[in-house]
Amino acid sequence: MSKLSLTAALLLGSAVFAHAADDLLSAFKEGKLDGRLRAQYFYTDWDDDSKDSAKGFAVGGSLIYKTAPLYGFSFGTGLYTTQNPGDWTDPEDGATAATAKDLFSRDPGDAYGDGYAVLGQVYLQYDIAKSKIKGGRFLMTNPWINPNDTKMIPIAIEGGQFISNDLPNTTIQIDYADQIKERGKSFFGNMADTGDTPTKISACYKTHYGTVPGTHGDAPDVSIVGITNKSIDNLELQGWVMHWPDLVDQFMFEANYALEAGDVILTFGGRYLVQNDQGAGDIILPKTNNHDSDNSIDSNLWALRAIADYRAAKFLLSMSKTDSDGDILAPWRGFPTQGYTRSMTQTDWNANTKSYKAEFDYDYSAMVPGLSTLLSYAWYDRDPTKKPYQSMTDRGYQNGDTRQWNFDIIYKLSGSWKGTELKARLMDQNNEKTALYTAETSNREMRLEANYRF
């Protein structure tokens, strides 16, 4: 486990100092502890007969504690762990693994199946009126950065955050990210130190990706500003800006409108994202390396959706289109098409990609309390002449079409088992080969998960 950075250490010291003048003991005694036990089993069956199936079984959990507020100040911390019980998973089980790698440590020198623990959260928070300011290590959520808590240990950020609801019907959010801890990693690295960062950018800076560390030191920090407004009945408007100095700026606008039609609630949503090159193109050289029209990554993406909610059922139809000029950069698990066309393992914001998705959710609680399901089908119409800026989950640099089915079952227990959730996720995807990438990457995947929260 890496040591606390200077920022986190100073915040820890500040928290102690801020409470020391008053009733520090009461602040800790009245704090809240959230515990979680978690187990996950992943199995991937490849269509390529030359590749063995991949599997992994991990057990772990988290303890997250936050003091009661004292003069507006509170202190939080979160400890996470994932382990390989009884060495049930062998290193050979991960020889062909893609998604299962995040179940265990991916630190340099560690083998598939090695467990680890990490202090993922250490922060100081100050609340005043309807605003809060947070700094240190914590889980950050915005359109670009997401904890992506679908595997054993989520993504965490070292930085700061300001969220205000003081203005009527309006939320203002300002995020600053200095370092990131990926899933499967015990350390915090700079903002280019992720598997979803374009290969040329992660090789340019000092990261753990690439054969040798880049010569340009740490990647720049990231700033994000967003405003959400609900002043008009049934209409939500969002505007966001992401600034990654010397690399890229992105602007995102979204609108969602809901209306009632008898017993049915209809929601119509749209998202538009604009990407402006601020230097990333000079590093990636997409015309030279990725078959784009020029060496700029200026691009855009739009997505539309319609949702119908009828009692226990929900039906979604969506589509999205990425401009042919360049891939949309999304290094921190905030997916540009999330809530629209993205499905498990899919990247559908590569240049000149058109995506279509249908999804049906049903809550069976009236018949079986706590039971719900999700069924979806998606078609990702990609441009086979393009090469993605970085390796994609399961597909590598393959940019052929994908057709994917997903079926999820979720069961939340009650009574003496309250706090327990069981989940099964089944996926079948067909990835078309291309002239640029002839490997067979189609597969089926099963993810089983059990959670107990206390």
Protein backbone atom coordinates (compact mmCIF):
# COMPACT_ATOMS: atom_id res chain seq x y z
CA MET A 1 0.00 0.00 0.00
CA SER A 2 1.35 3.41 -0.89
CA LYS A 3 1.91 6.06 1.72
CA LEU A 4 -0.49 8.95 2.12
CA SER A 5 0.43 11.86 -0.08
CA LEU A 6 1.32 15.19 1.42
CA THR A 7 -2.17 16.48 0.60
CA ALA A 8 -3.95 13.66 2.41
CA ALA A 9 -1.57 13.82 5.37
CA LEU A 10 -2.12 17.55 5.79
CA LEU A 11 -5.87 17.05 5.67
CA LEU A 12 -5.66 14.36 8.33
CA GLY A 13 -3.70 16.74 10.51
CA SER A 14 -6.20 19.52 9.84
CA ALA A 15 -9.07 17.25 10.86
CA VAL A 16 -7.48 16.49 14.21
CA PHE A 17 -6.67 20.16 14.79
CA ALA A 18 -10.18 21.28 13.82
CA HIS A 19 -11.78 18.95 16.36
CA ALA A 20 -9.22 19.23 19.16
CA ALA A 21 -10.52 22.56 20.50
CA ASP A 22 -14.01 21.15 21.11
CA ASP A 23 -15.60 17.77 21.85
CA LEU A 24 -13.49 15.56 19.64
CA LEU A 25 -14.56 12.41 21.52
CA SER A 26 -18.26 12.97 20.82
CA ALA A 27 -17.62 13.58 17.14
CA PHE A 28 -16.04 10.14 16.85
CA LYS A 29 -18.51 8.37 19.17
CA GLU A 30 -21.47 9.64 17.15
CA GLY A 31 -19.88 8.82 13.81
CA LYS A 32 -21.25 6.27 11.34
CA LEU A 33 -19.60 3.01 10.33
CA ASP A 34 -20.66 1.24 7.13
CA GLY A 35 -19.39 -2.27 6.52
CA ARG A 36 -19.57 -4.46 3.47
CA LEU A 37 -18.64 -8.08 2.80
CA ARG A 38 -18.29 -8.88 -0.88
CA ALA A 39 -17.61 -11.96 -3.02
CA GLN A 40 -17.31 -12.12 -6.80
CA TYR A 41 -16.81 -14.91 -9.31
CA PHE A 42 -16.04 -14.13 -12.98
CA TYR A 43 -15.95 -16.62 -15.83
CA THR A 44 -15.14 -15.81 -19.48
CA ASP A 45 -15.59 -18.36 -22.26
CA TRP A 46 -13.80 -17.36 -25.49
CA ASP A 47 -14.94 -18.37 -28.98
CA ASP A 48 -11.27 -18.78 -29.89
CA ASP A 49 -10.61 -22.46 -29.13
CA SER A 50 -6.91 -21.75 -28.71
CA LYS A 51 -7.65 -19.60 -25.64
CA ASP A 52 -8.47 -21.23 -22.32
CA SER A 53 -11.40 -19.87 -20.36
CA ALA A 54 -10.59 -17.28 -17.73
CA LYS A 55 -11.96 -17.31 -14.19
CA GLY A 56 -11.44 -15.72 -10.81
CA PHE A 57 -12.98 -15.84 -7.34
CA ALA A 58 -12.35 -13.06 -4.83
CA VAL A 59 -13.62 -12.28 -1.32
CA GLY A 60 -13.20 -8.97 0.46
CA GLY A 61 -15.07 -5.91 1.56
CA SER A 62 -14.80 -2.47 3.05
CA LEU A 63 -15.12 -0.49 6.27
CA ILE A 64 -16.09 3.15 5.78
CA TYR A 65 -16.27 5.49 8.77
CA LYS A 66 -17.34 9.13 8.99
CA THR A 67 -17.41 11.25 12.13
CA ALA A 68 -20.43 13.26 13.15
CA PRO A 69 -20.09 16.92 12.05
CA LEU A 70 -18.48 19.26 14.58
CA TYR A 71 -18.78 22.96 13.79
CA GLY A 72 -19.40 21.87 10.21
CA PHE A 73 -16.31 19.68 9.97
CA SER A 74 -16.32 15.91 9.56
CA PHE A 75 -13.62 13.37 8.85
CA GLY A 76 -14.01 10.23 6.75
CA THR A 77 -11.92 7.21 5.93
CA GLY A 78 -12.42 3.99 3.98
CA LEU A 79 -10.42 0.76 4.03
CA TYR A 80 -10.90 -1.76 1.21
CA THR A 81 -9.55 -5.26 0.64
CA THR A 82 -9.82 -8.11 -1.85
CA GLN A 83 -8.32 -11.56 -1.27
CA ASN A 84 -7.96 -14.97 -2.91
CA PRO A 85 -9.36 -17.38 -0.27
CA GLY A 86 -7.37 -20.58 -0.03
CA ASP A 87 -5.56 -19.70 -3.26
CA TRP A 88 -8.67 -20.99 -5.04
CA THR A 89 -7.73 -18.92 -8.09
CA ASP A 90 -4.45 -19.91 -9.74
CA PRO A 91 -2.28 -17.52 -11.78
CA GLU A 92 -2.99 -19.74 -14.81
CA ASP A 93 -6.71 -19.00 -14.46
CA GLY A 94 -5.97 -15.45 -15.53
CA ALA A 95 -3.78 -16.22 -18.55
CA THR A 96 -6.54 -15.01 -20.91
CA ALA A 97 -8.43 -12.82 -18.42
CA ALA A 98 -9.62 -9.34 -19.35
CA THR A 99 -12.41 -8.18 -17.04
CA ALA A 100 -11.46 -10.53 -14.18
CA LYS A 101 -8.04 -8.92 -13.72
CA ASP A 102 -9.56 -6.16 -11.57
CA LEU A 103 -10.67 -8.72 -8.97
CA PHE A 104 -7.10 -8.89 -7.70
CA SER A 105 -3.96 -6.79 -7.54
CA ARG A 106 -2.57 -5.44 -10.81
CA ASP A 107 0.37 -3.75 -9.10
CA PRO A 108 3.73 -4.16 -10.83
CA GLY A 109 5.29 -7.50 -9.86
CA ASP A 110 2.07 -9.05 -8.54
CA ALA A 111 0.60 -12.22 -10.05
CA TYR A 112 -3.02 -12.88 -11.00
CA GLY A 113 -4.78 -13.93 -7.80
CA ASP A 114 -2.72 -11.80 -5.41
CA GLY A 115 -4.86 -9.94 -2.88
CA TYR A 116 -4.28 -6.46 -1.48
CA ALA A 117 -5.70 -3.80 0.83
CA VAL A 118 -5.79 -0.05 0.33
CA LEU A 119 -6.82 3.02 2.30
CA GLY A 120 -8.98 4.36 -0.49
CA GLN A 121 -10.60 7.22 1.42
CA VAL A 122 -9.10 9.76 3.82
CA TYR A 123 -10.80 13.14 3.65
CA LEU A 124 -11.91 16.23 5.52
CA GLN A 125 -15.33 17.71 4.79
CA TYR A 126 -16.88 21.04 5.75
CA ASP A 127 -20.63 21.65 5.46
CA ILE A 128 -22.21 25.09 5.56
CA ALA A 129 -25.85 25.82 4.67
CA LYS A 130 -26.56 23.66 1.60
CA SER A 131 -22.94 23.44 0.45
CA LYS A 132 -20.10 21.08 1.23
CA ILE A 133 -16.37 21.18 0.58
CA LYS A 134 -14.31 17.98 0.61
CA GLY A 135 -10.59 17.35 0.20
CA GLY A 136 -8.28 14.33 0.37
CA ARG A 137 -8.96 10.82 -0.94
CA PHE A 138 -12.58 9.96 -1.72
CA LEU A 139 -14.98 8.56 -4.31
CA MET A 140 -15.76 11.19 -6.94
CA THR A 141 -18.72 11.09 -9.31
CA ASN A 142 -19.27 13.31 -12.33
CA PRO A 143 -19.65 12.68 -16.09
CA TRP A 144 -15.91 11.96 -16.49
CA ILE A 145 -14.88 10.32 -13.22
CA ASN A 146 -16.81 7.47 -11.66
CA PRO A 147 -16.03 4.93 -8.87
CA ASN A 148 -17.29 2.22 -11.29
CA ASP A 149 -18.02 -0.02 -8.30
CA THR A 150 -18.80 -3.17 -10.29
CA LYS A 151 -15.71 -5.03 -9.06
CA MET A 152 -14.08 -5.62 -5.69
CA ILE A 153 -12.55 -2.20 -4.96
CA PRO A 154 -13.79 1.02 -6.60
CA ILE A 155 -11.85 3.85 -8.22
CA ALA A 156 -10.83 6.64 -5.84
CA ILE A 157 -9.52 10.15 -6.42
CA GLU A 158 -7.14 12.38 -4.53
CA GLY A 159 -8.24 15.96 -4.90
CA GLY A 160 -11.04 18.30 -3.87
CA GLN A 161 -14.75 18.84 -4.39
CA PHE A 162 -17.30 21.60 -3.87
CA ILE A 163 -21.05 20.92 -4.17
CA SER A 164 -23.67 23.60 -3.54
CA ASN A 165 -27.47 23.47 -3.53
CA ASP A 166 -27.88 27.01 -2.17
CA LEU A 167 -29.44 28.36 -5.36
CA PRO A 168 -33.09 27.30 -5.89
CA ASN A 169 -33.48 24.15 -7.97
CA THR A 170 -29.79 24.28 -8.86
CA THR A 171 -26.75 22.16 -8.05
CA ILE A 172 -23.25 23.49 -8.69
CA GLN A 173 -20.34 21.04 -8.60
CA ILE A 174 -16.63 21.82 -8.90
CA ASP A 175 -14.17 18.90 -8.88
CA TYR A 176 -10.39 18.87 -8.87
CA ALA A 177 -8.52 15.59 -9.43
CA ASP A 178 -4.79 15.33 -8.77
CA GLN A 179 -4.32 11.55 -8.58
CA ILE A 180 -6.34 8.42 -9.30
CA LYS A 181 -6.39 4.90 -7.89
CA GLU A 182 -7.65 2.40 -10.44
CA ARG A 183 -9.50 -0.80 -9.66
CA GLY A 184 -6.92 -3.50 -9.03
CA LYS A 185 -4.29 -0.99 -7.91
CA SER A 186 -3.11 -0.22 -4.36
CA PHE A 187 -1.48 3.10 -5.26
CA PHE A 188 -2.54 6.51 -6.52
CA GLY A 189 -0.97 7.61 -9.79
CA ASN A 190 -1.23 10.72 -11.94
CA MET A 191 -4.29 11.27 -14.12
CA ALA A 192 -2.75 9.55 -17.16
CA ASP A 193 -1.94 6.41 -15.14
CA THR A 194 -5.01 4.43 -16.25
CA GLY A 195 -5.71 1.62 -18.68
CA ASP A 196 -8.28 3.75 -20.51
CA THR A 197 -5.85 6.58 -21.23
CA PRO A 198 -4.80 6.70 -24.90
CA THR A 199 -1.68 4.57 -25.26
CA LYS A 200 0.47 7.41 -26.61
CA ILE A 201 -0.51 9.73 -23.74
CA SER A 202 0.18 7.19 -20.98
CA ALA A 203 3.55 6.49 -22.62
CA CYS A 204 4.34 10.22 -22.74
CA TYR A 205 3.98 10.72 -18.99
CA LYS A 206 5.32 8.91 -15.94
CA THR A 207 2.86 6.02 -15.65
CA HIS A 208 2.87 2.27 -15.05
CA TYR A 209 1.71 1.62 -18.62
CA GLY A 210 4.13 1.25 -21.50
CA THR A 211 7.54 -0.40 -21.62
CA VAL A 212 9.40 2.55 -20.07
CA PRO A 213 8.21 5.56 -18.04
CA GLY A 214 7.47 8.65 -20.11
CA THR A 215 9.86 11.57 -20.08
CA HIS A 216 7.32 14.33 -19.34
CA GLY A 217 6.81 13.68 -15.61
CA ASP A 218 3.34 13.51 -14.10
CA ALA A 219 0.33 14.26 -16.26
CA PRO A 220 -1.59 17.48 -15.56
CA ASP A 221 -4.36 17.61 -12.96
CA VAL A 222 -8.00 17.65 -14.07
CA SER A 223 -10.68 20.26 -13.32
CA ILE A 224 -14.42 19.71 -13.81
CA VAL A 225 -17.32 22.14 -13.36
CA GLY A 226 -21.01 21.32 -13.69
CA ILE A 227 -24.42 22.92 -13.18
CA THR A 228 -27.71 21.04 -12.92
CA ASN A 229 -31.00 22.95 -12.94
CA LYS A 230 -34.60 21.78 -12.34
CA SER A 231 -36.42 25.14 -12.35
CA ILE A 232 -38.86 24.00 -15.06
CA ASP A 233 -41.31 21.29 -14.00
CA ASN A 234 -40.32 17.83 -15.26
CA LEU A 235 -37.23 19.20 -17.05
CA GLU A 236 -33.63 18.69 -15.93
CA LEU A 237 -30.82 20.58 -17.65
CA GLN A 238 -27.11 19.94 -17.18
CA GLY A 239 -23.99 21.70 -18.41
CA TRP A 240 -20.46 20.46 -17.70
CA VAL A 241 -16.87 21.38 -18.60
CA MET A 242 -13.77 19.21 -18.23
CA HIS A 243 -10.29 20.76 -18.53
CA TRP A 244 -7.16 18.59 -18.79
CA PRO A 245 -4.40 21.21 -19.36
CA ASP A 246 -2.18 20.81 -22.41
CA LEU A 247 -4.29 17.84 -23.58
CA VAL A 248 -8.04 18.26 -24.04
CA ASP A 249 -11.17 20.21 -23.11
CA GLN A 250 -14.64 18.67 -23.22
CA PHE A 251 -18.07 20.30 -22.92
CA MET A 252 -21.18 18.27 -22.17
CA PHE A 253 -24.84 19.37 -22.34
CA GLU A 254 -27.78 17.19 -21.38
CA ALA A 255 -31.56 17.58 -21.11
CA ASN A 256 -34.14 15.14 -19.75
CA TYR A 257 -37.90 15.75 -19.86
CA ALA A 258 -40.55 13.57 -18.22
CA LEU A 259 -44.30 13.52 -18.78
CA GLU A 260 -47.22 11.36 -17.67
CA ALA A 261 -49.41 9.53 -20.15
CA GLY A 262 -51.97 7.75 -18.02
CA ASP A 263 -50.11 5.17 -15.93
CA VAL A 264 -47.00 5.51 -18.07
CA ILE A 265 -44.18 7.95 -17.35
CA LEU A 266 -42.29 8.87 -20.51
CA THR A 267 -38.80 10.36 -20.32
CA PHE A 268 -36.93 11.79 -23.30
CA GLY A 269 -33.24 12.56 -22.95
CA GLY A 270 -30.44 13.94 -25.06
CA ARG A 271 -26.71 14.45 -24.54
CA TYR A 272 -24.21 16.37 -26.66
CA LEU A 273 -20.46 16.31 -25.99
CA VAL A 274 -17.87 18.48 -27.74
CA GLN A 275 -14.15 17.70 -27.57
CA ASN A 276 -11.50 20.34 -28.28
CA ASP A 277 -7.89 19.32 -28.81
CA GLN A 278 -5.48 21.21 -26.55
CA GLY A 279 -2.34 19.22 -27.32
CA ALA A 280 -3.36 15.55 -27.13
CA GLY A 281 -3.40 15.27 -30.93
CA ASP A 282 0.29 16.17 -31.12
CA ILE A 283 0.98 13.18 -28.84
CA ILE A 284 -1.47 10.65 -30.28
CA LEU A 285 -0.95 11.63 -33.94
CA PRO A 286 -4.29 10.02 -34.92
CA LYS A 287 -3.85 10.52 -38.67
CA THR A 288 -0.51 8.74 -38.58
CA ASN A 289 -1.43 6.03 -36.06
CA ASN A 290 -5.22 5.62 -36.11
CA HIS A 291 -6.34 6.43 -39.68
CA ASP A 292 -8.16 9.66 -38.74
CA SER A 293 -8.48 12.53 -41.25
CA ASP A 294 -5.93 14.72 -39.44
CA ASN A 295 -3.76 14.83 -36.32
CA SER A 296 -6.31 16.75 -34.25
CA ILE A 297 -8.67 15.01 -31.83
CA ASP A 298 -11.41 17.62 -32.22
CA SER A 299 -14.62 15.60 -32.20
CA ASN A 300 -18.15 15.37 -30.84
CA LEU A 301 -20.75 12.84 -29.74
CA TRP A 302 -24.53 12.92 -29.39
CA ALA A 303 -26.90 10.46 -27.73
CA LEU A 304 -30.69 10.20 -27.54
CA ARG A 305 -32.99 8.03 -25.45
CA ALA A 306 -36.66 7.39 -24.72
CA ILE A 307 -37.74 5.63 -21.53
CA ALA A 308 -41.20 4.32 -20.67
CA ASP A 309 -41.95 3.44 -17.03
CA TYR A 310 -45.13 1.44 -16.45
CA ARG A 311 -45.61 0.20 -12.90
CA ALA A 312 -42.97 -2.51 -12.39
CA ALA A 313 -41.62 -2.35 -15.95
CA LYS A 314 -39.19 0.02 -17.67
CA PHE A 315 -38.30 0.03 -21.36
CA LEU A 316 -35.44 2.02 -22.93
CA LEU A 317 -34.60 2.73 -26.56
CA SER A 318 -31.42 4.69 -27.30
CA MET A 319 -28.90 5.57 -29.96
CA SER A 320 -25.63 7.49 -30.15
CA LYS A 321 -23.16 8.67 -32.78
CA THR A 322 -19.51 9.71 -32.48
CA ASP A 323 -18.08 12.04 -35.11
CA SER A 324 -15.63 10.52 -37.59
CA ASP A 325 -12.92 13.09 -36.77
CA GLY A 326 -11.67 11.38 -33.60
CA ASP A 327 -12.25 9.16 -30.55
CA ILE A 328 -13.70 10.75 -27.42
CA LEU A 329 -11.18 10.59 -24.57
CA ALA A 330 -12.63 8.90 -21.44
CA PRO A 331 -9.73 7.78 -19.21
CA TRP A 332 -11.46 7.69 -15.79
CA ARG A 333 -14.48 5.36 -16.18
CA GLY A 334 -16.99 8.14 -16.71
CA PHE A 335 -18.52 6.78 -19.90
CA PRO A 336 -19.75 9.29 -22.53
CA THR A 337 -22.72 7.06 -23.43
CA GLN A 338 -23.56 5.84 -19.90
CA GLY A 339 -27.33 5.65 -19.41
CA TYR A 340 -27.80 5.65 -23.17
CA THR A 341 -26.12 3.01 -25.33
CA ARG A 342 -23.22 1.65 -23.31
CA SER A 343 -23.38 -1.94 -22.05
CA MET A 344 -20.98 -4.10 -20.04
CA THR A 345 -17.37 -4.05 -21.38
CA GLN A 346 -18.29 -1.84 -24.35
CA THR A 347 -16.52 1.28 -25.61
CA ASP A 348 -18.78 2.98 -28.16
CA TRP A 349 -17.23 6.43 -28.44
CA ASN A 350 -14.53 5.59 -30.98
CA ALA A 351 -14.52 7.72 -34.15
CA ASN A 352 -17.43 7.12 -36.52
CA THR A 353 -19.26 4.68 -34.21
CA LYS A 354 -23.06 4.40 -34.29
CA SER A 355 -24.75 2.59 -31.41
CA TYR A 356 -28.28 1.29 -30.80
CA LYS A 357 -29.65 -0.26 -27.63
CA ALA A 358 -32.92 -1.65 -26.28
CA GLU A 359 -33.33 -2.54 -22.61
CA PHE A 360 -36.18 -3.98 -20.54
CA ASP A 361 -36.13 -3.89 -16.73
CA TYR A 362 -38.74 -5.55 -14.52
CA ASP A 363 -39.25 -5.45 -10.76
CA TYR A 364 -40.87 -8.66 -9.49
CA SER A 365 -41.24 -7.41 -5.89
CA ALA A 366 -45.04 -7.79 -5.98
CA MET A 367 -44.53 -11.52 -6.57
CA VAL A 368 -41.05 -12.15 -5.13
CA PRO A 369 -39.93 -9.33 -2.81
CA GLY A 370 -36.50 -8.00 -3.77
CA LEU A 371 -36.26 -9.69 -7.19
CA SER A 372 -35.59 -7.71 -10.39
CA THR A 373 -34.14 -8.42 -13.83
CA LEU A 374 -32.59 -6.55 -16.76
CA LEU A 375 -32.49 -7.70 -20.38
CA SER A 376 -30.75 -5.70 -23.10
CA TYR A 377 -29.57 -5.97 -26.68
CA ALA A 378 -27.09 -3.56 -28.26
CA TRP A 379 -25.54 -3.17 -31.69
CA TYR A 380 -22.30 -1.19 -32.03
CA ASP A 381 -21.70 -0.23 -35.66
CA ARG A 382 -18.01 0.66 -35.79
CA ASP A 383 -15.73 1.88 -38.58
CA PRO A 384 -13.34 -1.00 -39.39
CA THR A 385 -10.88 1.39 -41.04
CA LYS A 386 -10.21 3.09 -37.68
CA LYS A 387 -7.85 2.02 -34.92
CA PRO A 388 -8.85 2.98 -31.34
CA TYR A 389 -6.52 5.25 -29.37
CA GLN A 390 -6.08 2.55 -26.70
CA SER A 391 -6.74 -1.16 -26.25
CA MET A 392 -10.42 -1.95 -25.60
CA THR A 393 -11.80 -4.40 -23.04
CA ASP A 394 -11.95 -7.89 -24.61
CA ARG A 395 -11.40 -6.50 -28.14
CA GLY A 396 -7.86 -5.11 -27.99
CA TYR A 397 -7.51 -2.74 -30.97
CA GLN A 398 -10.26 -4.48 -32.93
CA ASN A 399 -12.80 -1.97 -34.28
CA GLY A 400 -15.35 -4.27 -35.88
CA ASP A 401 -19.06 -4.31 -35.11
CA THR A 402 -20.31 -5.82 -31.85
CA ARG A 403 -23.69 -7.37 -31.12
CA GLN A 404 -24.26 -7.99 -27.43
CA TRP A 405 -26.93 -9.49 -25.17
CA ASN A 406 -27.02 -8.85 -21.42
CA PHE A 407 -29.22 -10.45 -18.76
CA ASP A 408 -28.96 -9.44 -15.09
CA ILE A 409 -30.75 -10.93 -12.08
CA ILE A 410 -30.72 -9.06 -8.75
CA TYR A 411 -32.20 -10.41 -5.53
CA LYS A 412 -32.25 -8.30 -2.36
CA LEU A 413 -33.03 -10.39 0.70
CA SER A 414 -35.10 -9.19 3.65
CA GLY A 415 -35.92 -10.23 7.20
CA SER A 416 -32.97 -11.71 9.07
CA TRP A 417 -30.98 -11.51 5.81
CA LYS A 418 -31.63 -7.79 5.32
CA GLY A 419 -28.59 -6.10 3.78
CA THR A 420 -27.77 -9.10 1.57
CA GLU A 421 -27.84 -8.76 -2.20
CA LEU A 422 -27.24 -11.51 -4.75
CA LYS A 423 -26.51 -10.68 -8.36
CA ALA A 424 -25.89 -12.63 -11.57
CA ARG A 425 -24.83 -10.93 -14.80
CA LEU A 426 -24.72 -12.89 -18.06
CA MET A 427 -23.30 -11.47 -21.29
CA ASP A 428 -22.92 -12.80 -24.83
CA GLN A 429 -21.07 -10.69 -27.37
CA ASN A 430 -20.11 -11.24 -30.99
CA ASN A 431 -17.15 -9.11 -32.11
CA GLU A 432 -16.50 -8.96 -35.85
CA LYS A 433 -12.95 -9.31 -37.10
CA THR A 434 -11.40 -6.61 -39.27
CA ALA A 435 -8.57 -6.43 -41.80
CA LEU A 436 -6.54 -4.43 -39.24
CA TYR A 437 -7.22 -6.85 -36.36
CA THR A 438 -7.97 -10.46 -37.28
CA ALA A 439 -8.08 -12.00 -33.78
CA GLU A 440 -11.25 -13.78 -32.64
CA THR A 441 -12.44 -11.89 -29.52
CA SER A 442 -16.10 -12.94 -29.23
CA ASN A 443 -17.00 -14.40 -25.84
CA ARG A 444 -19.55 -15.14 -23.19
CA GLU A 445 -19.16 -13.95 -19.63
CA MET A 446 -20.77 -14.73 -16.29
CA ARG A 447 -20.38 -12.56 -13.19
CA LEU A 448 -21.75 -13.75 -9.85
CA GLU A 449 -21.72 -11.46 -6.84
CA ALA A 450 -22.86 -11.53 -3.20
CA ASN A 451 -22.92 -8.47 -0.96
CA TYR A 452 -23.74 -8.08 2.71
CA ARG A 453 -23.95 -4.54 4.08
CA PHE A 454 -23.97 -3.82 7.79
